[in-house]
Amino acid sequence: MHVCVPDSASEPVRRQVQRWNTAPHWVVSNQIAHPPLVTEEQFVAVQAILDERTTMADRQLIGGLNPP
């Protein structure tokens, strides 16, 4: 998709932008489309490492984005 973006002092400039589909427009397959890149065990292990690296500041920032 291209949109016209006004430039600071000249004519509008056409730039390509990418927009993600909203959840109701996602295409979900019940069948595996391709072999997994990582095992489920690897995925869970990395998520645990990333969770450990999350600082309190990160949690507060993320919490601010989705208040209860």
PDB file of N, CA and C in Angstrom:
ATOM      1  N   MET A   1       0.853  -1.163   0.000  1.00  0.00           N
ATOM      2  CA  MET A   1       0.000   0.000   0.000  1.00  0.00           C
ATOM      3  C   MET A   1       0.904   1.232   0.000  1.00  0.00           C
ATOM      4  N   HIS A   2       0.543   2.227  -0.729  1.00  0.00           N
ATOM      5  CA  HIS A   2       1.282   3.482  -0.754  1.00  0.00           C
ATOM      6  C   HIS A   2       0.394   4.593  -0.213  1.00  0.00           C
ATOM      7  N   VAL A   3       0.996   5.509   0.494  1.00  0.00           N
ATOM      8  CA  VAL A   3       0.267   6.671   0.991  1.00  0.00           C
ATOM      9  C   VAL A   3       1.066   7.915   0.655  1.00  0.00           C
ATOM     10  N   CYS A   4       0.385   9.025   0.550  1.00  0.00           N
ATOM     11  CA  CYS A   4       1.057  10.297   0.330  1.00  0.00           C
ATOM     12  C   CYS A   4       1.342  10.927   1.686  1.00  0.00           C
ATOM     13  N   VAL A   5       2.598  11.237   1.905  1.00  0.00           N
ATOM     14  CA  VAL A   5       3.021  11.843   3.156  1.00  0.00           C
ATOM     15  C   VAL A   5       3.538  13.238   2.837  1.00  0.00           C
ATOM     16  N   PRO A   6       2.988  14.265   3.474  1.00  0.00           N
ATOM     17  CA  PRO A   6       3.485  15.607   3.176  1.00  0.00           C
ATOM     18  C   PRO A   6       4.930  15.762   3.627  1.00  0.00           C
ATOM     19  N   ASP A   7       5.754  16.279   2.742  1.00  0.00           N
ATOM     20  CA  ASP A   7       7.143  16.563   3.067  1.00  0.00           C
ATOM     21  C   ASP A   7       7.180  17.917   3.768  1.00  0.00           C
ATOM     22  N   SER A   8       8.249  18.215   4.456  1.00  0.00           N
ATOM     23  CA  SER A   8       8.291  19.437   5.268  1.00  0.00           C
ATOM     24  C   SER A   8       8.051  20.702   4.457  1.00  0.00           C
ATOM     25  N   ALA A   9       8.675  20.827   3.294  1.00  0.00           N
ATOM     26  CA  ALA A   9       8.544  22.092   2.562  1.00  0.00           C
ATOM     27  C   ALA A   9       8.210  21.902   1.098  1.00  0.00           C
ATOM     28  N   SER A  10       7.964  20.672   0.682  1.00  0.00           N
ATOM     29  CA  SER A  10       7.740  20.458  -0.749  1.00  0.00           C
ATOM     30  C   SER A  10       6.495  19.620  -0.985  1.00  0.00           C
ATOM     31  N   GLU A  11       6.427  19.035  -2.146  1.00  0.00           N
ATOM     32  CA  GLU A  11       5.293  18.209  -2.554  1.00  0.00           C
ATOM     33  C   GLU A  11       5.187  16.966  -1.661  1.00  0.00           C
ATOM     34  N   PRO A  12       3.973  16.406  -1.533  1.00  0.00           N
ATOM     35  CA  PRO A  12       3.841  15.143  -0.793  1.00  0.00           C
ATOM     36  C   PRO A  12       4.680  14.043  -1.445  1.00  0.00           C
ATOM     37  N   VAL A  13       5.195  13.140  -0.635  1.00  0.00           N
ATOM     38  CA  VAL A  13       6.042  12.052  -1.104  1.00  0.00           C
ATOM     39  C   VAL A  13       5.287  10.749  -0.913  1.00  0.00           C
ATOM     40  N   ARG A  14       5.298   9.892  -1.945  1.00  0.00           N
ATOM     41  CA  ARG A  14       4.643   8.588  -1.827  1.00  0.00           C
ATOM     42  C   ARG A  14       5.598   7.630  -1.137  1.00  0.00           C
ATOM     43  N   ARG A  15       5.119   7.001  -0.069  1.00  0.00           N
ATOM     44  CA  ARG A  15       5.928   6.034   0.669  1.00  0.00           C
ATOM     45  C   ARG A  15       5.121   4.764   0.865  1.00  0.00           C
ATOM     46  N   GLN A  16       5.825   3.642   0.822  1.00  0.00           N
ATOM     47  CA  GLN A  16       5.155   2.366   1.048  1.00  0.00           C
ATOM     48  C   GLN A  16       5.023   2.138   2.554  1.00  0.00           C
ATOM     49  N   VAL A  17       3.855   1.709   2.972  1.00  0.00           N
ATOM     50  CA  VAL A  17       3.613   1.382   4.376  1.00  0.00           C
ATOM     51  C   VAL A  17       3.067  -0.032   4.466  1.00  0.00           C
ATOM     52  N   GLN A  18       3.281  -0.670   5.612  1.00  0.00           N
ATOM     53  CA  GLN A  18       2.769  -2.013   5.830  1.00  0.00           C
ATOM     54  C   GLN A  18       1.753  -1.963   6.952  1.00  0.00           C
ATOM     55  N   ARG A  19       0.616  -2.558   6.728  1.00  0.00           N
ATOM     56  CA  ARG A  19      -0.425  -2.605   7.744  1.00  0.00           C
ATOM     57  C   ARG A  19      -0.738  -4.060   8.044  1.00  0.00           C
ATOM     58  N   TRP A  20      -0.848  -4.370   9.339  1.00  0.00           N
ATOM     59  CA  TRP A  20      -1.161  -5.728   9.757  1.00  0.00           C
ATOM     60  C   TRP A  20      -2.674  -5.912   9.781  1.00  0.00           C
ATOM     61  N   ASN A  21      -3.113  -7.112   9.418  1.00  0.00           N
ATOM     62  CA  ASN A  21      -4.534  -7.428   9.510  1.00  0.00           C
ATOM     63  C   ASN A  21      -4.950  -7.466  10.975  1.00  0.00           C
ATOM     64  N   THR A  22      -6.174  -7.072  11.241  1.00  0.00           N
ATOM     65  CA  THR A  22      -6.709  -7.210  12.587  1.00  0.00           C
ATOM     66  C   THR A  22      -7.072  -8.677  12.816  1.00  0.00           C
ATOM     67  N   ALA A  23      -7.189  -9.077  14.072  1.00  0.00           N
ATOM     68  CA  ALA A  23      -7.423 -10.483  14.419  1.00  0.00           C
ATOM     69  C   ALA A  23      -8.573 -11.133  13.647  1.00  0.00           C
ATOM     70  N   PRO A  24      -9.705 -10.444  13.445  1.00  0.00           N
ATOM     71  CA  PRO A  24     -10.785 -11.119  12.706  1.00  0.00           C
ATOM     72  C   PRO A  24     -10.416 -11.468  11.263  1.00  0.00           C
ATOM     73  N   HIS A  25      -9.368 -10.845  10.733  1.00  0.00           N
ATOM     74  CA  HIS A  25      -8.971 -11.101   9.352  1.00  0.00           C
ATOM     75  C   HIS A  25      -7.756 -12.015   9.241  1.00  0.00           C
ATOM     76  N   TRP A  26      -7.289 -12.562  10.363  1.00  0.00           N
ATOM     77  CA  TRP A  26      -6.163 -13.484  10.323  1.00  0.00           C
ATOM     78  C   TRP A  26      -6.582 -14.772   9.629  1.00  0.00           C
ATOM     79  N   VAL A  27      -5.648 -15.394   8.949  1.00  0.00           N
ATOM     80  CA  VAL A  27      -5.880 -16.692   8.324  1.00  0.00           C
ATOM     81  C   VAL A  27      -5.168 -17.729   9.184  1.00  0.00           C
ATOM     82  N   VAL A  28      -5.938 -18.645   9.756  1.00  0.00           N
ATOM     83  CA  VAL A  28      -5.384 -19.659  10.647  1.00  0.00           C
ATOM     84  C   VAL A  28      -5.619 -21.023  10.035  1.00  0.00           C
ATOM     85  N   SER A  29      -4.567 -21.822   9.985  1.00  0.00           N
ATOM     86  CA  SER A  29      -4.678 -23.166   9.422  1.00  0.00           C
ATOM     87  C   SER A  29      -4.684 -24.189  10.550  1.00  0.00           C
ATOM     88  N   ASN A  30      -5.534 -25.176  10.453  1.00  0.00           N
ATOM     89  CA  ASN A  30      -5.556 -26.268  11.424  1.00  0.00           C
ATOM     90  C   ASN A  30      -4.482 -27.298  11.128  1.00  0.00           C
ATOM     91  N   GLN A  31      -3.923 -27.237   9.915  1.00  0.00           N
ATOM     92  CA  GLN A  31      -2.856 -28.153   9.525  1.00  0.00           C
ATOM     93  C   GLN A  31      -1.527 -27.412   9.572  1.00  0.00           C
ATOM     94  N   ILE A  32      -0.465 -28.130   9.916  1.00  0.00           N
ATOM     95  CA  ILE A  32       0.864 -27.517   9.948  1.00  0.00           C
ATOM     96  C   ILE A  32       1.258 -27.178   8.513  1.00  0.00           C
ATOM     97  N   ALA A  33       1.568 -25.898   8.281  1.00  0.00           N
ATOM     98  CA  ALA A  33       1.879 -25.433   6.928  1.00  0.00           C
ATOM     99  C   ALA A  33       3.325 -25.728   6.542  1.00  0.00           C
ATOM    100  N   HIS A  34       4.235 -25.770   7.524  1.00  0.00           N
ATOM    101  CA  HIS A  34       5.648 -26.051   7.264  1.00  0.00           C
ATOM    102  C   HIS A  34       6.261 -26.620   8.539  1.00  0.00           C
ATOM    103  N   PRO A  35       7.410 -27.269   8.417  1.00  0.00           N
ATOM    104  CA  PRO A  35       8.032 -27.816   9.633  1.00  0.00           C
ATOM    105  C   PRO A  35       8.388 -26.688  10.599  1.00  0.00           C
ATOM    106  N   PRO A  36       8.246 -26.913  11.902  1.00  0.00           N
ATOM    107  CA  PRO A  36       8.581 -25.873  12.868  1.00  0.00           C
ATOM    108  C   PRO A  36      10.064 -25.516  12.801  1.00  0.00           C
ATOM    109  N   LEU A  37      10.378 -24.248  13.044  1.00  0.00           N
ATOM    110  CA  LEU A  37      11.771 -23.805  13.047  1.00  0.00           C
ATOM    111  C   LEU A  37      12.471 -24.189  14.350  1.00  0.00           C
ATOM    112  N   VAL A  38      11.714 -24.262  15.440  1.00  0.00           N
ATOM    113  CA  VAL A  38      12.256 -24.684  16.743  1.00  0.00           C
ATOM    114  C   VAL A  38      11.266 -25.657  17.366  1.00  0.00           C
ATOM    115  N   THR A  39      11.775 -26.464  18.280  1.00  0.00           N
ATOM    116  CA  THR A  39      10.879 -27.383  18.981  1.00  0.00           C
ATOM    117  C   THR A  39      10.095 -26.604  20.033  1.00  0.00           C
ATOM    118  N   GLU A  40       9.025 -27.204  20.539  1.00  0.00           N
ATOM    119  CA  GLU A  40       8.248 -26.552  21.589  1.00  0.00           C
ATOM    120  C   GLU A  40       9.102 -26.367  22.840  1.00  0.00           C
ATOM    121  N   GLU A  41       9.966 -27.350  23.127  1.00  0.00           N
ATOM    122  CA  GLU A  41      10.847 -27.243  24.292  1.00  0.00           C
ATOM    123  C   GLU A  41      11.807 -26.066  24.151  1.00  0.00           C
ATOM    124  N   GLN A  42      12.369 -25.869  22.947  1.00  0.00           N
ATOM    125  CA  GLN A  42      13.262 -24.728  22.711  1.00  0.00           C
ATOM    126  C   GLN A  42      12.513 -23.409  22.882  1.00  0.00           C
ATOM    127  N   PHE A  43      11.311 -23.348  22.354  1.00  0.00           N
ATOM    128  CA  PHE A  43      10.508 -22.135  22.463  1.00  0.00           C
ATOM    129  C   PHE A  43      10.243 -21.788  23.920  1.00  0.00           C
ATOM    130  N   VAL A  44       9.825 -22.778  24.699  1.00  0.00           N
ATOM    131  CA  VAL A  44       9.530 -22.554  26.117  1.00  0.00           C
ATOM    132  C   VAL A  44      10.789 -22.123  26.862  1.00  0.00           C
ATOM    133  N   ALA A  45      11.930 -22.744  26.557  1.00  0.00           N
ATOM    134  CA  ALA A  45      13.188 -22.389  27.225  1.00  0.00           C
ATOM    135  C   ALA A  45      13.584 -20.941  26.931  1.00  0.00           C
ATOM    136  N   VAL A  46      13.458 -20.516  25.697  1.00  0.00           N
ATOM    137  CA  VAL A  46      13.807 -19.141  25.342  1.00  0.00           C
ATOM    138  C   VAL A  46      12.843 -18.152  25.990  1.00  0.00           C
ATOM    139  N   GLN A  47      11.566 -18.497  26.039  1.00  0.00           N
ATOM    140  CA  GLN A  47      10.600 -17.609  26.697  1.00  0.00           C
ATOM    141  C   GLN A  47      10.951 -17.433  28.168  1.00  0.00           C
ATOM    142  N   ALA A  48      11.409 -18.501  28.814  1.00  0.00           N
ATOM    143  CA  ALA A  48      11.805 -18.415  30.221  1.00  0.00           C
ATOM    144  C   ALA A  48      13.015 -17.502  30.384  1.00  0.00           C
ATOM    145  N   ILE A  49      13.987 -17.610  29.477  1.00  0.00           N
ATOM    146  CA  ILE A  49      15.167 -16.736  29.525  1.00  0.00           C
ATOM    147  C   ILE A  49      14.753 -15.290  29.324  1.00  0.00           C
ATOM    148  N   LEU A  50      13.903 -15.038  28.350  1.00  0.00           N
ATOM    149  CA  LEU A  50      13.463 -13.667  28.092  1.00  0.00           C
ATOM    150  C   LEU A  50      12.685 -13.113  29.273  1.00  0.00           C
ATOM    151  N   ASP A  51      11.900 -13.958  29.929  1.00  0.00           N
ATOM    152  CA  ASP A  51      11.142 -13.506  31.092  1.00  0.00           C
ATOM    153  C   ASP A  51      12.088 -13.100  32.217  1.00  0.00           C
ATOM    154  N   GLU A  52      13.181 -13.862  32.406  1.00  0.00           N
ATOM    155  CA  GLU A  52      14.164 -13.521  33.430  1.00  0.00           C
ATOM    156  C   GLU A  52      14.837 -12.184  33.139  1.00  0.00           C
ATOM    157  N   ARG A  53      15.023 -11.876  31.866  1.00  0.00           N
ATOM    158  CA  ARG A  53      15.704 -10.638  31.474  1.00  0.00           C
ATOM    159  C   ARG A  53      14.807  -9.415  31.579  1.00  0.00           C
ATOM    160  N   THR A  54      13.521  -9.633  31.701  1.00  0.00           N
ATOM    161  CA  THR A  54      12.591  -8.514  31.793  1.00  0.00           C
ATOM    162  C   THR A  54      12.800  -7.814  33.125  1.00  0.00           C
ATOM    163  N   THR A  55      13.098  -6.534  33.065  1.00  0.00           N
ATOM    164  CA  THR A  55      13.336  -5.768  34.286  1.00  0.00           C
ATOM    165  C   THR A  55      12.023  -5.232  34.832  1.00  0.00           C
ATOM    166  N   MET A  56      12.070  -4.719  36.048  1.00  0.00           N
ATOM    167  CA  MET A  56      10.881  -4.122  36.649  1.00  0.00           C
ATOM    168  C   MET A  56      10.403  -2.951  35.799  1.00  0.00           C
ATOM    169  N   ALA A  57      11.341  -2.160  35.256  1.00  0.00           N
ATOM    170  CA  ALA A  57      10.964  -1.027  34.403  1.00  0.00           C
ATOM    171  C   ALA A  57      10.217  -1.516  33.168  1.00  0.00           C
ATOM    172  N   ASP A  58      10.692  -2.623  32.585  1.00  0.00           N
ATOM    173  CA  ASP A  58      10.003  -3.194  31.424  1.00  0.00           C
ATOM    174  C   ASP A  58       8.593  -3.610  31.800  1.00  0.00           C
ATOM    175  N   ARG A  59       8.454  -4.257  32.954  1.00  0.00           N
ATOM    176  CA  ARG A  59       7.132  -4.714  33.392  1.00  0.00           C
ATOM    177  C   ARG A  59       6.193  -3.536  33.624  1.00  0.00           C
ATOM    178  N   GLN A  60       6.740  -2.459  34.197  1.00  0.00           N
ATOM    179  CA  GLN A  60       5.903  -1.278  34.435  1.00  0.00           C
ATOM    180  C   GLN A  60       5.495  -0.649  33.110  1.00  0.00           C
ATOM    181  N   LEU A  61       6.418  -0.607  32.161  1.00  0.00           N
ATOM    182  CA  LEU A  61       6.100  -0.044  30.848  1.00  0.00           C
ATOM    183  C   LEU A  61       5.041  -0.889  30.163  1.00  0.00           C
ATOM    184  N   ILE A  62       5.245  -2.208  30.158  1.00  0.00           N
ATOM    185  CA  ILE A  62       4.278  -3.093  29.519  1.00  0.00           C
ATOM    186  C   ILE A  62       2.942  -3.024  30.254  1.00  0.00           C
ATOM    187  N   GLY A  63       2.967  -2.984  31.565  1.00  0.00           N
ATOM    188  CA  GLY A  63       1.749  -2.886  32.342  1.00  0.00           C
ATOM    189  C   GLY A  63       0.980  -1.615  32.036  1.00  0.00           C
ATOM    190  N   GLY A  64       1.725  -0.535  31.743  1.00  0.00           N
ATOM    191  CA  GLY A  64       1.082   0.730  31.400  1.00  0.00           C
ATOM    192  C   GLY A  64       0.372   0.681  30.062  1.00  0.00           C
ATOM    193  N   LEU A  65       0.830  -0.232  29.185  1.00  0.00           N
ATOM    194  CA  LEU A  65       0.197  -0.347  27.869  1.00  0.00           C
ATOM    195  C   LEU A  65      -1.130  -1.099  27.942  1.00  0.00           C
ATOM    196  N   ASN A  66      -1.212  -2.033  28.886  1.00  0.00           N
ATOM    197  CA  ASN A  66      -2.427  -2.835  29.045  1.00  0.00           C
ATOM    198  C   ASN A  66      -2.865  -2.812  30.502  1.00  0.00           C
ATOM    199  N   PRO A  67      -3.410  -1.707  30.968  1.00  0.00           N
ATOM    200  CA  PRO A  67      -3.818  -1.683  32.366  1.00  0.00           C
ATOM    201  C   PRO A  67      -4.931  -2.685  32.632  1.00  0.00           C
ATOM    202  N   PRO A  68      -4.992  -3.225  33.881  1.00  0.00           N
ATOM    203  CA  PRO A  68      -6.019  -4.242  34.188  1.00  0.00           C
ATOM    204  C   PRO A  68      -7.416  -3.683  34.159  1.00  0.00           C
TER     205      PRO A  68
END
